[in-house]
């Protein structure tokens, strides 16, 4: 964090800082794939020089993922346009309810419409392998997430997961009812999900 604080101080001398709080439970690499990279690409497509000044994923003391934060920098003379373009990009990407955006630490502006549900899988508690992006996997969990995505179709998808003393799978979509319907059906039929629970997270 020391490097990021230094970078942020240096950047704010010539850039407006736009802070986005994401009510999304994402591993760092998933946060970058789903939000950081697409937002920066959208800003650049709009003709704005931009970059990520700081980013992080918050965990509980028990090492359960809670939320994410990303700070984007845009030229000071394009601050208002940058704020507009970031909001536009977040809406296009799809952002969970409870997320906020602010510039210059002013009042938080709510953004986001998607619902989120965390599926707790107590029977999956071991990492089988780590991929070339340093993301930890369990093969049974990977197969389960494919089944979840298939069952949801266009109604939602798995955004991230975390294997730690059991596993958490984070699923987002347009309808909380539909997310529960699909996940409850899988819990009722899949032995791997014995003892699994659902928690609304957005």
N, C-alpha and C. Protein backbone atom coordinates (compact mmCIF):
# COMPACT_ATOMS: atom_id res chain seq x y z
N UNK A 1 0.82 -1.22 0.00
CA UNK A 1 0.00 0.00 0.00
C UNK A 1 0.85 1.26 0.00
N UNK A 2 2.09 1.20 0.53
CA UNK A 2 2.94 2.38 0.55
C UNK A 2 3.18 2.91 -0.85
N UNK A 3 3.45 2.01 -1.81
CA UNK A 3 3.69 2.43 -3.19
C UNK A 3 2.45 3.10 -3.77
N UNK A 4 1.27 2.50 -3.51
CA UNK A 4 0.04 3.05 -4.06
C UNK A 4 -0.24 4.44 -3.48
N UNK A 5 0.03 4.61 -2.17
CA UNK A 5 -0.20 5.93 -1.58
C UNK A 5 0.72 6.97 -2.23
N UNK A 6 1.98 6.57 -2.47
CA UNK A 6 2.90 7.49 -3.13
C UNK A 6 2.42 7.81 -4.53
N UNK A 7 2.00 6.78 -5.27
CA UNK A 7 1.51 6.98 -6.63
C UNK A 7 0.29 7.88 -6.65
N UNK A 8 -0.60 7.66 -5.69
CA UNK A 8 -1.82 8.48 -5.63
C UNK A 8 -1.48 9.94 -5.36
N UNK A 9 -0.55 10.20 -4.40
CA UNK A 9 -0.18 11.59 -4.10
C UNK A 9 0.42 12.25 -5.33
N UNK A 10 1.30 11.52 -6.02
CA UNK A 10 1.93 12.08 -7.21
C UNK A 10 0.91 12.35 -8.30
N UNK A 11 -0.03 11.42 -8.47
CA UNK A 11 -1.00 11.54 -9.55
C UNK A 11 -2.01 12.65 -9.29
N UNK A 12 -2.40 12.83 -8.04
CA UNK A 12 -3.44 13.82 -7.74
C UNK A 12 -2.96 15.25 -7.96
N UNK A 13 -1.65 15.46 -8.11
CA UNK A 13 -1.18 16.80 -8.44
C UNK A 13 -1.63 17.22 -9.83
N UNK A 14 -1.94 16.25 -10.69
CA UNK A 14 -2.32 16.57 -12.07
C UNK A 14 -3.55 15.79 -12.53
N UNK A 15 -4.18 15.05 -11.63
CA UNK A 15 -5.32 14.23 -12.01
C UNK A 15 -6.45 14.34 -11.00
N UNK A 16 -7.67 14.20 -11.50
CA UNK A 16 -8.83 14.08 -10.62
C UNK A 16 -8.98 12.61 -10.24
N UNK A 17 -9.26 12.37 -8.97
CA UNK A 17 -9.40 11.00 -8.47
C UNK A 17 -10.88 10.68 -8.31
N UNK A 18 -11.30 9.61 -8.94
CA UNK A 18 -12.69 9.16 -8.87
C UNK A 18 -12.69 7.80 -8.19
N UNK A 19 -13.31 7.74 -7.02
CA UNK A 19 -13.30 6.54 -6.20
C UNK A 19 -14.59 5.75 -6.40
N UNK A 20 -14.43 4.46 -6.66
CA UNK A 20 -15.57 3.57 -6.85
C UNK A 20 -15.53 2.49 -5.77
N UNK A 21 -16.59 2.41 -4.99
CA UNK A 21 -16.74 1.31 -4.03
C UNK A 21 -17.66 0.28 -4.68
N UNK A 22 -17.15 -0.92 -4.85
CA UNK A 22 -17.90 -1.99 -5.49
C UNK A 22 -18.42 -2.96 -4.44
N UNK A 23 -19.71 -3.04 -4.31
CA UNK A 23 -20.32 -4.01 -3.42
C UNK A 23 -20.33 -5.37 -4.12
N UNK A 24 -19.12 -5.79 -4.47
CA UNK A 24 -18.91 -7.03 -5.22
C UNK A 24 -17.80 -7.82 -4.55
N UNK A 25 -18.04 -9.09 -4.35
CA UNK A 25 -17.06 -9.94 -3.67
C UNK A 25 -16.20 -10.64 -4.72
N UNK A 26 -15.06 -10.01 -5.00
CA UNK A 26 -14.22 -10.45 -6.10
C UNK A 26 -12.78 -10.64 -5.65
N UNK A 27 -12.16 -11.73 -6.10
CA UNK A 27 -10.72 -11.85 -5.94
C UNK A 27 -10.06 -10.72 -6.74
N UNK A 28 -8.84 -10.33 -6.37
CA UNK A 28 -8.20 -9.21 -7.06
C UNK A 28 -8.13 -9.36 -8.58
N UNK A 29 -7.77 -10.54 -9.09
CA UNK A 29 -7.68 -10.71 -10.54
C UNK A 29 -9.04 -10.58 -11.19
N UNK A 30 -10.08 -11.10 -10.53
CA UNK A 30 -11.43 -10.98 -11.08
C UNK A 30 -11.90 -9.52 -11.06
N UNK A 31 -11.50 -8.79 -10.02
CA UNK A 31 -11.82 -7.36 -9.95
C UNK A 31 -11.22 -6.62 -11.14
N UNK A 32 -9.99 -6.94 -11.45
CA UNK A 32 -9.34 -6.31 -12.59
C UNK A 32 -10.01 -6.65 -13.91
N UNK A 33 -10.32 -7.94 -14.09
CA UNK A 33 -10.94 -8.39 -15.34
C UNK A 33 -12.32 -7.76 -15.54
N UNK A 34 -13.11 -7.73 -14.49
CA UNK A 34 -14.51 -7.33 -14.64
C UNK A 34 -14.71 -5.82 -14.58
N UNK A 35 -13.87 -5.11 -13.83
CA UNK A 35 -14.12 -3.68 -13.65
C UNK A 35 -12.95 -2.79 -14.07
N UNK A 36 -11.76 -3.02 -13.53
CA UNK A 36 -10.67 -2.09 -13.78
C UNK A 36 -10.34 -1.97 -15.26
N UNK A 37 -10.05 -3.10 -15.90
CA UNK A 37 -9.64 -3.07 -17.30
C UNK A 37 -10.74 -2.53 -18.22
N UNK A 38 -12.00 -2.99 -18.09
CA UNK A 38 -13.05 -2.45 -18.97
C UNK A 38 -13.31 -0.95 -18.77
N UNK A 39 -13.24 -0.46 -17.54
CA UNK A 39 -13.47 0.97 -17.31
C UNK A 39 -12.36 1.79 -17.94
N UNK A 40 -11.11 1.38 -17.74
CA UNK A 40 -9.99 2.11 -18.35
C UNK A 40 -10.11 2.08 -19.87
N UNK A 41 -10.49 0.93 -20.43
CA UNK A 41 -10.67 0.84 -21.88
C UNK A 41 -11.77 1.78 -22.37
N UNK A 42 -12.86 1.87 -21.60
CA UNK A 42 -13.95 2.77 -21.97
C UNK A 42 -13.51 4.23 -21.92
N UNK A 43 -12.74 4.58 -20.90
CA UNK A 43 -12.23 5.96 -20.79
C UNK A 43 -11.31 6.29 -21.96
N UNK A 44 -10.44 5.37 -22.30
CA UNK A 44 -9.52 5.61 -23.41
C UNK A 44 -10.27 5.71 -24.73
N UNK A 45 -11.33 4.89 -24.89
CA UNK A 45 -12.14 4.96 -26.11
C UNK A 45 -12.84 6.31 -26.23
N UNK A 46 -13.14 6.93 -25.08
CA UNK A 46 -13.78 8.24 -25.07
C UNK A 46 -12.76 9.38 -25.21
N UNK A 47 -11.49 9.03 -25.36
CA UNK A 47 -10.46 10.03 -25.57
C UNK A 47 -9.88 10.61 -24.30
N UNK A 48 -10.06 9.93 -23.16
CA UNK A 48 -9.53 10.42 -21.89
C UNK A 48 -8.32 9.60 -21.49
N UNK A 49 -7.24 10.29 -21.14
CA UNK A 49 -6.11 9.59 -20.53
C UNK A 49 -6.54 9.19 -19.12
N UNK A 50 -6.25 7.96 -18.75
CA UNK A 50 -6.75 7.48 -17.46
C UNK A 50 -5.89 6.33 -16.97
N UNK A 51 -6.13 5.95 -15.74
CA UNK A 51 -5.44 4.80 -15.17
C UNK A 51 -5.99 4.48 -13.80
N UNK A 52 -5.65 3.31 -13.32
CA UNK A 52 -6.02 2.90 -11.97
C UNK A 52 -4.94 3.39 -11.01
N UNK A 53 -5.31 4.23 -10.05
CA UNK A 53 -4.35 4.75 -9.09
C UNK A 53 -4.20 3.84 -7.88
N UNK A 54 -5.26 3.15 -7.54
CA UNK A 54 -5.25 2.29 -6.35
C UNK A 54 -6.42 1.32 -6.47
N UNK A 55 -6.28 0.16 -5.87
CA UNK A 55 -7.36 -0.82 -5.89
C UNK A 55 -7.12 -1.83 -4.79
N UNK A 56 -8.20 -2.39 -4.28
CA UNK A 56 -8.05 -3.38 -3.22
C UNK A 56 -9.33 -4.17 -3.01
N UNK A 57 -9.16 -5.35 -2.43
CA UNK A 57 -10.28 -6.20 -2.04
C UNK A 57 -10.25 -6.32 -0.52
N UNK A 58 -11.39 -6.06 0.12
CA UNK A 58 -11.48 -6.10 1.58
C UNK A 58 -11.88 -7.50 2.04
N UNK A 59 -11.26 -7.94 3.13
CA UNK A 59 -11.53 -9.24 3.73
C UNK A 59 -11.93 -9.06 5.19
N UNK A 60 -12.71 -10.00 5.70
CA UNK A 60 -12.98 -10.04 7.14
C UNK A 60 -11.75 -10.60 7.85
N UNK A 61 -11.76 -10.56 9.18
CA UNK A 61 -10.67 -11.17 9.93
C UNK A 61 -10.58 -12.67 9.67
N UNK A 62 -11.70 -13.27 9.32
CA UNK A 62 -11.72 -14.69 8.99
C UNK A 62 -11.36 -14.97 7.55
N UNK A 63 -10.86 -13.96 6.83
CA UNK A 63 -10.41 -14.07 5.45
C UNK A 63 -11.54 -14.42 4.49
N UNK A 64 -12.72 -13.81 4.72
CA UNK A 64 -13.83 -13.93 3.78
C UNK A 64 -13.92 -12.61 3.00
N UNK A 65 -14.08 -12.69 1.69
CA UNK A 65 -14.14 -11.49 0.86
C UNK A 65 -15.41 -10.70 1.18
N UNK A 66 -15.26 -9.36 1.24
CA UNK A 66 -16.39 -8.48 1.60
C UNK A 66 -16.77 -7.56 0.44
N UNK A 67 -15.81 -6.83 -0.12
CA UNK A 67 -16.11 -5.83 -1.15
C UNK A 67 -14.81 -5.40 -1.82
N UNK A 68 -14.92 -4.47 -2.77
CA UNK A 68 -13.76 -3.97 -3.49
C UNK A 68 -13.81 -2.45 -3.61
N UNK A 69 -12.65 -1.86 -3.82
CA UNK A 69 -12.56 -0.42 -4.08
C UNK A 69 -11.54 -0.19 -5.19
N UNK A 70 -11.86 0.74 -6.08
CA UNK A 70 -10.95 1.11 -7.17
C UNK A 70 -10.94 2.63 -7.29
N UNK A 71 -9.75 3.21 -7.40
CA UNK A 71 -9.61 4.65 -7.63
C UNK A 71 -9.04 4.87 -9.04
N UNK A 72 -9.79 5.61 -9.85
CA UNK A 72 -9.36 5.93 -11.21
C UNK A 72 -8.87 7.37 -11.25
N UNK A 73 -7.86 7.63 -12.06
CA UNK A 73 -7.37 8.98 -12.26
C UNK A 73 -7.65 9.45 -13.68
N UNK A 74 -8.17 10.67 -13.82
CA UNK A 74 -8.39 11.28 -15.13
C UNK A 74 -7.84 12.70 -15.08
N UNK A 75 -7.52 13.30 -16.23
CA UNK A 75 -7.01 14.68 -16.22
C UNK A 75 -7.98 15.63 -15.52
N UNK A 76 -7.43 16.56 -14.75
CA UNK A 76 -8.27 17.48 -13.98
C UNK A 76 -9.22 18.26 -14.89
N UNK A 77 -8.74 18.65 -16.07
CA UNK A 77 -9.61 19.44 -16.95
C UNK A 77 -10.67 18.59 -17.64
N UNK A 78 -10.65 17.27 -17.41
CA UNK A 78 -11.67 16.38 -17.96
C UNK A 78 -12.39 15.61 -16.84
N UNK A 79 -12.36 16.19 -15.64
CA UNK A 79 -12.89 15.48 -14.48
C UNK A 79 -14.37 15.13 -14.63
N UNK A 80 -15.18 16.11 -15.02
CA UNK A 80 -16.62 15.86 -15.13
C UNK A 80 -16.92 14.83 -16.21
N UNK A 81 -16.22 14.94 -17.33
CA UNK A 81 -16.41 13.95 -18.40
C UNK A 81 -15.94 12.58 -17.96
N UNK A 82 -14.84 12.55 -17.20
CA UNK A 82 -14.36 11.27 -16.68
C UNK A 82 -15.36 10.62 -15.76
N UNK A 83 -15.95 11.41 -14.86
CA UNK A 83 -16.97 10.88 -13.96
C UNK A 83 -18.15 10.33 -14.75
N UNK A 84 -18.59 11.08 -15.76
CA UNK A 84 -19.71 10.63 -16.60
C UNK A 84 -19.38 9.32 -17.30
N UNK A 85 -18.18 9.23 -17.87
CA UNK A 85 -17.80 8.03 -18.62
C UNK A 85 -17.64 6.82 -17.71
N UNK A 86 -17.14 7.02 -16.50
CA UNK A 86 -17.01 5.90 -15.57
C UNK A 86 -18.38 5.38 -15.17
N UNK A 87 -19.31 6.29 -14.87
CA UNK A 87 -20.67 5.87 -14.55
C UNK A 87 -21.29 5.10 -15.72
N UNK A 88 -21.09 5.61 -16.92
CA UNK A 88 -21.62 4.96 -18.12
C UNK A 88 -21.04 3.56 -18.27
N UNK A 89 -19.74 3.43 -18.06
CA UNK A 89 -19.09 2.13 -18.19
C UNK A 89 -19.58 1.15 -17.13
N UNK A 90 -19.72 1.63 -15.90
CA UNK A 90 -20.19 0.75 -14.82
C UNK A 90 -21.60 0.25 -15.08
N UNK A 91 -22.45 1.11 -15.64
CA UNK A 91 -23.81 0.67 -15.96
C UNK A 91 -23.79 -0.36 -17.09
N UNK A 92 -22.91 -0.16 -18.07
CA UNK A 92 -22.82 -1.10 -19.19
C UNK A 92 -22.26 -2.44 -18.74
N UNK A 93 -21.28 -2.41 -17.86
CA UNK A 93 -20.68 -3.64 -17.34
C UNK A 93 -21.68 -4.40 -16.49
N UNK A 94 -22.44 -3.65 -15.68
CA UNK A 94 -23.33 -4.25 -14.69
C UNK A 94 -22.65 -4.21 -13.33
N UNK A 95 -23.23 -3.45 -12.41
CA UNK A 95 -22.63 -3.21 -11.10
C UNK A 95 -23.62 -3.57 -10.01
N UNK A 96 -23.18 -4.23 -8.94
CA UNK A 96 -24.11 -4.64 -7.89
C UNK A 96 -24.71 -3.47 -7.11
N UNK A 97 -25.93 -3.67 -6.63
CA UNK A 97 -26.58 -2.71 -5.74
C UNK A 97 -25.70 -2.49 -4.52
N UNK A 98 -25.73 -1.27 -4.00
CA UNK A 98 -24.90 -0.95 -2.84
C UNK A 98 -23.54 -0.39 -3.20
N UNK A 99 -23.23 -0.32 -4.49
CA UNK A 99 -21.97 0.27 -4.94
C UNK A 99 -22.13 1.79 -4.99
N UNK A 100 -21.00 2.51 -4.89
CA UNK A 100 -21.04 3.97 -4.91
C UNK A 100 -19.87 4.52 -5.71
N UNK A 101 -20.02 5.78 -6.14
CA UNK A 101 -18.94 6.47 -6.84
C UNK A 101 -18.86 7.89 -6.30
N UNK A 102 -17.65 8.42 -6.18
CA UNK A 102 -17.48 9.78 -5.67
C UNK A 102 -16.22 10.39 -6.26
N UNK A 103 -16.19 11.72 -6.33
CA UNK A 103 -15.02 12.44 -6.81
C UNK A 103 -14.67 13.52 -5.81
N UNK A 104 -13.40 13.68 -5.50
CA UNK A 104 -12.93 14.65 -4.52
C UNK A 104 -13.55 14.43 -3.14
N UNK A 105 -13.87 13.17 -2.83
CA UNK A 105 -14.43 12.81 -1.52
C UNK A 105 -15.73 13.54 -1.23
N UNK A 106 -16.47 13.91 -2.27
CA UNK A 106 -17.77 14.52 -2.07
C UNK A 106 -18.80 13.45 -1.74
N UNK A 107 -20.07 13.83 -1.72
CA UNK A 107 -21.13 12.91 -1.33
C UNK A 107 -21.12 11.67 -2.22
N UNK A 108 -21.34 10.51 -1.59
CA UNK A 108 -21.36 9.25 -2.32
C UNK A 108 -22.59 9.19 -3.22
N UNK A 109 -22.37 8.79 -4.46
CA UNK A 109 -23.46 8.67 -5.43
C UNK A 109 -23.73 7.18 -5.65
N UNK A 110 -24.90 6.68 -5.24
CA UNK A 110 -25.18 5.25 -5.42
C UNK A 110 -25.19 4.88 -6.90
N UNK A 111 -24.68 3.70 -7.20
CA UNK A 111 -24.70 3.19 -8.56
C UNK A 111 -24.79 1.67 -8.48
N UNK A 112 -25.52 1.10 -9.40
CA UNK A 112 -25.61 -0.36 -9.43
C UNK A 112 -27.03 -0.86 -9.30
N UNK A 113 -27.34 -1.92 -10.03
CA UNK A 113 -28.70 -2.47 -10.02
C UNK A 113 -28.73 -3.99 -9.89
N UNK A 114 -27.59 -4.64 -9.97
CA UNK A 114 -27.57 -6.10 -9.94
C UNK A 114 -27.69 -6.63 -8.52
N UNK A 115 -28.26 -7.82 -8.41
CA UNK A 115 -28.35 -8.52 -7.13
C UNK A 115 -27.20 -9.52 -7.03
N UNK A 116 -26.80 -9.82 -5.80
CA UNK A 116 -25.73 -10.77 -5.58
C UNK A 116 -26.09 -11.76 -4.49
N UNK A 117 -25.69 -13.01 -4.70
CA UNK A 117 -25.90 -14.07 -3.72
C UNK A 117 -24.60 -14.84 -3.54
N UNK A 118 -24.22 -15.06 -2.29
CA UNK A 118 -23.04 -15.88 -1.99
C UNK A 118 -23.50 -17.29 -1.64
N UNK A 119 -22.94 -18.26 -2.33
CA UNK A 119 -23.20 -19.67 -2.06
C UNK A 119 -22.03 -20.22 -1.24
N UNK A 120 -22.31 -20.63 -0.03
CA UNK A 120 -21.28 -21.21 0.84
C UNK A 120 -21.30 -22.72 0.67
N UNK A 121 -20.14 -23.29 0.31
CA UNK A 121 -20.01 -24.73 0.04
C UNK A 121 -19.04 -25.32 1.06
N UNK A 122 -19.54 -25.84 2.18
CA UNK A 122 -18.65 -26.30 3.25
C UNK A 122 -17.83 -27.54 2.90
N UNK A 123 -18.31 -28.36 1.96
CA UNK A 123 -17.61 -29.61 1.64
C UNK A 123 -16.38 -29.40 0.77
N UNK A 124 -16.24 -28.25 0.17
CA UNK A 124 -15.07 -27.96 -0.67
C UNK A 124 -14.15 -27.03 0.09
N UNK A 125 -13.05 -27.57 0.61
CA UNK A 125 -12.17 -26.75 1.45
C UNK A 125 -10.70 -26.92 1.13
N UNK A 126 -10.39 -27.47 -0.04
CA UNK A 126 -8.99 -27.68 -0.40
C UNK A 126 -8.70 -27.10 -1.78
N UNK A 127 -7.54 -26.50 -1.93
CA UNK A 127 -7.09 -25.99 -3.23
C UNK A 127 -6.40 -27.11 -3.98
N UNK A 128 -6.87 -27.40 -5.19
CA UNK A 128 -6.26 -28.45 -6.01
C UNK A 128 -5.08 -27.93 -6.82
N UNK A 129 -5.18 -26.71 -7.31
CA UNK A 129 -4.09 -26.15 -8.11
C UNK A 129 -4.24 -24.64 -8.19
N UNK A 130 -3.14 -23.98 -8.53
CA UNK A 130 -3.12 -22.54 -8.75
C UNK A 130 -2.76 -22.29 -10.20
N UNK A 131 -3.56 -21.49 -10.90
CA UNK A 131 -3.31 -21.29 -12.33
C UNK A 131 -2.20 -20.28 -12.56
N UNK A 132 -1.93 -20.00 -13.84
CA UNK A 132 -0.79 -19.13 -14.17
C UNK A 132 -1.03 -17.66 -13.82
N UNK A 133 -2.25 -17.34 -13.35
CA UNK A 133 -2.53 -15.98 -12.88
C UNK A 133 -2.59 -15.93 -11.36
N UNK A 134 -2.16 -17.01 -10.74
CA UNK A 134 -2.10 -17.12 -9.28
C UNK A 134 -3.49 -17.16 -8.65
N UNK A 135 -4.48 -17.68 -9.37
CA UNK A 135 -5.83 -17.87 -8.85
C UNK A 135 -5.98 -19.32 -8.41
N UNK A 136 -6.45 -19.53 -7.19
CA UNK A 136 -6.58 -20.87 -6.63
C UNK A 136 -7.88 -21.53 -7.10
N UNK A 137 -7.78 -22.84 -7.39
CA UNK A 137 -8.92 -23.59 -7.91
C UNK A 137 -9.12 -24.89 -7.14
N UNK A 138 -10.36 -25.34 -7.14
CA UNK A 138 -10.71 -26.70 -6.75
C UNK A 138 -11.49 -27.27 -7.93
N UNK A 139 -11.12 -28.45 -8.38
CA UNK A 139 -11.72 -29.00 -9.60
C UNK A 139 -13.22 -29.23 -9.46
N UNK A 140 -13.65 -29.74 -8.31
CA UNK A 140 -15.09 -29.94 -8.10
C UNK A 140 -15.83 -28.60 -8.10
N UNK A 141 -15.20 -27.59 -7.50
CA UNK A 141 -15.83 -26.27 -7.47
C UNK A 141 -15.89 -25.67 -8.87
N UNK A 142 -14.83 -25.84 -9.65
CA UNK A 142 -14.84 -25.35 -11.03
C UNK A 142 -15.99 -25.97 -11.82
N UNK A 143 -16.18 -27.28 -11.66
CA UNK A 143 -17.27 -27.96 -12.36
C UNK A 143 -18.63 -27.46 -11.88
N UNK A 144 -18.75 -27.22 -10.58
CA UNK A 144 -20.00 -26.69 -10.03
C UNK A 144 -20.32 -25.32 -10.62
N UNK A 145 -19.32 -24.47 -10.74
CA UNK A 145 -19.56 -23.12 -11.27
C UNK A 145 -20.00 -23.17 -12.72
N UNK A 146 -19.49 -24.13 -13.48
CA UNK A 146 -19.96 -24.31 -14.85
C UNK A 146 -21.43 -24.69 -14.86
N UNK A 147 -21.85 -25.56 -13.93
CA UNK A 147 -23.25 -25.96 -13.84
C UNK A 147 -24.14 -24.77 -13.45
N UNK A 148 -23.63 -23.93 -12.54
CA UNK A 148 -24.39 -22.75 -12.13
C UNK A 148 -24.60 -21.82 -13.32
N UNK A 149 -23.53 -21.54 -14.05
CA UNK A 149 -23.64 -20.65 -15.21
C UNK A 149 -24.59 -21.21 -16.26
N UNK A 150 -24.52 -22.52 -16.48
CA UNK A 150 -25.40 -23.16 -17.45
C UNK A 150 -26.86 -23.05 -17.03
N UNK A 151 -27.12 -23.27 -15.74
CA UNK A 151 -28.50 -23.21 -15.24
C UNK A 151 -29.06 -21.79 -15.28
N UNK A 152 -28.22 -20.81 -15.04
CA UNK A 152 -28.67 -19.41 -15.04
C UNK A 152 -28.87 -18.86 -16.45
N UNK A 153 -28.08 -19.33 -17.40
CA UNK A 153 -28.17 -18.79 -18.75
C UNK A 153 -27.91 -17.30 -18.76
N UNK A 154 -28.83 -16.55 -19.36
CA UNK A 154 -28.67 -15.09 -19.45
C UNK A 154 -29.11 -14.36 -18.18
N UNK A 155 -29.57 -15.10 -17.18
CA UNK A 155 -30.11 -14.47 -15.96
C UNK A 155 -29.05 -14.13 -14.92
N UNK A 156 -27.81 -14.53 -15.15
CA UNK A 156 -26.75 -14.22 -14.18
C UNK A 156 -25.53 -15.08 -14.44
N UNK A 157 -24.53 -14.92 -13.58
CA UNK A 157 -23.31 -15.70 -13.75
C UNK A 157 -22.46 -15.65 -12.48
N UNK A 158 -21.54 -16.59 -12.39
CA UNK A 158 -20.54 -16.59 -11.33
C UNK A 158 -19.49 -15.53 -11.66
N UNK A 159 -19.24 -14.65 -10.72
CA UNK A 159 -18.22 -13.61 -10.92
C UNK A 159 -16.90 -13.97 -10.25
N UNK A 160 -16.96 -14.68 -9.14
CA UNK A 160 -15.73 -14.97 -8.41
C UNK A 160 -15.99 -16.08 -7.42
N UNK A 161 -14.92 -16.53 -6.78
CA UNK A 161 -15.00 -17.57 -5.76
C UNK A 161 -13.80 -17.45 -4.84
N UNK A 162 -13.86 -18.17 -3.73
CA UNK A 162 -12.75 -18.14 -2.78
C UNK A 162 -12.77 -19.43 -1.99
N UNK A 163 -11.65 -20.15 -2.01
CA UNK A 163 -11.53 -21.40 -1.26
C UNK A 163 -10.77 -21.10 0.03
N UNK A 164 -11.48 -21.18 1.16
CA UNK A 164 -10.84 -20.95 2.46
C UNK A 164 -11.76 -21.49 3.55
N UNK A 165 -11.37 -22.60 4.18
CA UNK A 165 -12.19 -23.23 5.21
C UNK A 165 -13.62 -23.44 4.71
N UNK A 166 -13.73 -24.13 3.61
CA UNK A 166 -14.95 -24.18 2.83
C UNK A 166 -14.77 -23.26 1.64
N UNK A 167 -15.78 -23.13 0.83
CA UNK A 167 -15.66 -22.27 -0.35
C UNK A 167 -16.85 -21.34 -0.46
N UNK A 168 -16.60 -20.16 -1.02
CA UNK A 168 -17.65 -19.20 -1.34
C UNK A 168 -17.69 -19.02 -2.85
N UNK A 169 -18.89 -19.05 -3.41
CA UNK A 169 -19.10 -18.77 -4.83
C UNK A 169 -20.01 -17.55 -4.91
N UNK A 170 -19.60 -16.54 -5.66
CA UNK A 170 -20.33 -15.27 -5.71
C UNK A 170 -21.02 -15.13 -7.07
N UNK A 171 -22.35 -15.05 -7.01
CA UNK A 171 -23.19 -15.09 -8.21
C UNK A 171 -23.99 -13.79 -8.29
N UNK A 172 -24.05 -13.19 -9.48
CA UNK A 172 -24.74 -11.91 -9.66
C UNK A 172 -25.69 -11.98 -10.86
N UNK A 173 -26.80 -11.25 -10.75
CA UNK A 173 -27.77 -11.23 -11.84
C UNK A 173 -28.83 -10.18 -11.64
N UNK A 174 -29.77 -10.11 -12.58
CA UNK A 174 -30.80 -9.07 -12.57
C UNK A 174 -31.92 -9.33 -11.57
N UNK A 175 -32.12 -10.60 -11.17
CA UNK A 175 -33.25 -10.95 -10.32
C UNK A 175 -32.78 -11.80 -9.14
N UNK A 176 -33.01 -11.29 -7.93
CA UNK A 176 -32.65 -12.06 -6.74
C UNK A 176 -33.46 -13.36 -6.69
N UNK A 177 -34.74 -13.26 -7.05
CA UNK A 177 -35.58 -14.45 -7.03
C UNK A 177 -35.06 -15.53 -7.95
N UNK A 178 -34.62 -15.14 -9.14
CA UNK A 178 -34.09 -16.13 -10.09
C UNK A 178 -32.79 -16.73 -9.59
N UNK A 179 -31.92 -15.93 -9.01
CA UNK A 179 -30.67 -16.47 -8.45
C UNK A 179 -30.98 -17.51 -7.38
N UNK A 180 -31.90 -17.19 -6.48
CA UNK A 180 -32.26 -18.14 -5.42
C UNK A 180 -32.90 -19.39 -6.00
N UNK A 181 -33.76 -19.23 -6.98
CA UNK A 181 -34.44 -20.38 -7.59
C UNK A 181 -33.43 -21.39 -8.14
N UNK A 182 -32.48 -20.89 -8.90
CA UNK A 182 -31.48 -21.76 -9.52
C UNK A 182 -30.57 -22.39 -8.47
N UNK A 183 -30.07 -21.59 -7.55
CA UNK A 183 -29.13 -22.10 -6.55
C UNK A 183 -29.81 -23.06 -5.59
N UNK A 184 -31.03 -22.77 -5.19
CA UNK A 184 -31.76 -23.68 -4.29
C UNK A 184 -32.04 -25.01 -4.97
N UNK A 185 -32.31 -24.98 -6.27
CA UNK A 185 -32.53 -26.23 -7.02
C UNK A 185 -31.25 -27.07 -7.05
N UNK A 186 -30.12 -26.42 -7.25
CA UNK A 186 -28.85 -27.14 -7.25
C UNK A 186 -28.53 -27.70 -5.87
N UNK A 187 -28.79 -26.93 -4.83
CA UNK A 187 -28.53 -27.41 -3.47
C UNK A 187 -29.36 -28.66 -3.19
N UNK A 188 -30.59 -28.68 -3.67
CA UNK A 188 -31.48 -29.81 -3.41
C UNK A 188 -31.08 -31.07 -4.16
N UNK A 189 -30.31 -30.92 -5.25
CA UNK A 189 -30.04 -32.08 -6.11
C UNK A 189 -28.58 -32.50 -6.18
N UNK A 190 -27.67 -31.67 -5.69
CA UNK A 190 -26.23 -31.95 -5.86
C UNK A 190 -25.61 -32.35 -4.53
N UNK A 191 -25.11 -33.59 -4.40
CA UNK A 191 -24.50 -34.03 -3.13
C UNK A 191 -23.34 -33.14 -2.67
N UNK A 192 -22.65 -32.53 -3.62
CA UNK A 192 -21.53 -31.65 -3.25
C UNK A 192 -22.02 -30.46 -2.42
N UNK A 193 -23.30 -30.13 -2.55
CA UNK A 193 -23.84 -28.96 -1.87
C UNK A 193 -24.57 -29.31 -0.58
N UNK A 194 -24.31 -30.47 -0.04
CA UNK A 194 -24.88 -30.82 1.27
C UNK A 194 -24.41 -29.81 2.31
N UNK A 195 -25.35 -29.22 3.03
CA UNK A 195 -25.01 -28.22 4.04
C UNK A 195 -24.72 -26.85 3.49
N UNK A 196 -24.90 -26.65 2.17
CA UNK A 196 -24.64 -25.35 1.56
C UNK A 196 -25.68 -24.33 2.00
N UNK A 197 -25.28 -23.07 2.05
CA UNK A 197 -26.19 -21.98 2.43
C UNK A 197 -26.07 -20.83 1.45
N UNK A 198 -27.12 -20.01 1.41
CA UNK A 198 -27.16 -18.83 0.56
C UNK A 198 -27.25 -17.58 1.41
N UNK A 199 -26.51 -16.54 1.00
CA UNK A 199 -26.55 -15.25 1.68
C UNK A 199 -26.68 -14.15 0.64
N UNK A 200 -27.67 -13.28 0.81
CA UNK A 200 -27.80 -12.13 -0.09
C UNK A 200 -26.70 -11.13 0.21
N UNK A 201 -25.93 -10.75 -0.80
CA UNK A 201 -24.80 -9.84 -0.59
C UNK A 201 -24.94 -8.55 -1.40
N UNK A 202 -25.97 -8.43 -2.21
CA UNK A 202 -26.21 -7.19 -2.96
C UNK A 202 -27.67 -7.16 -3.40
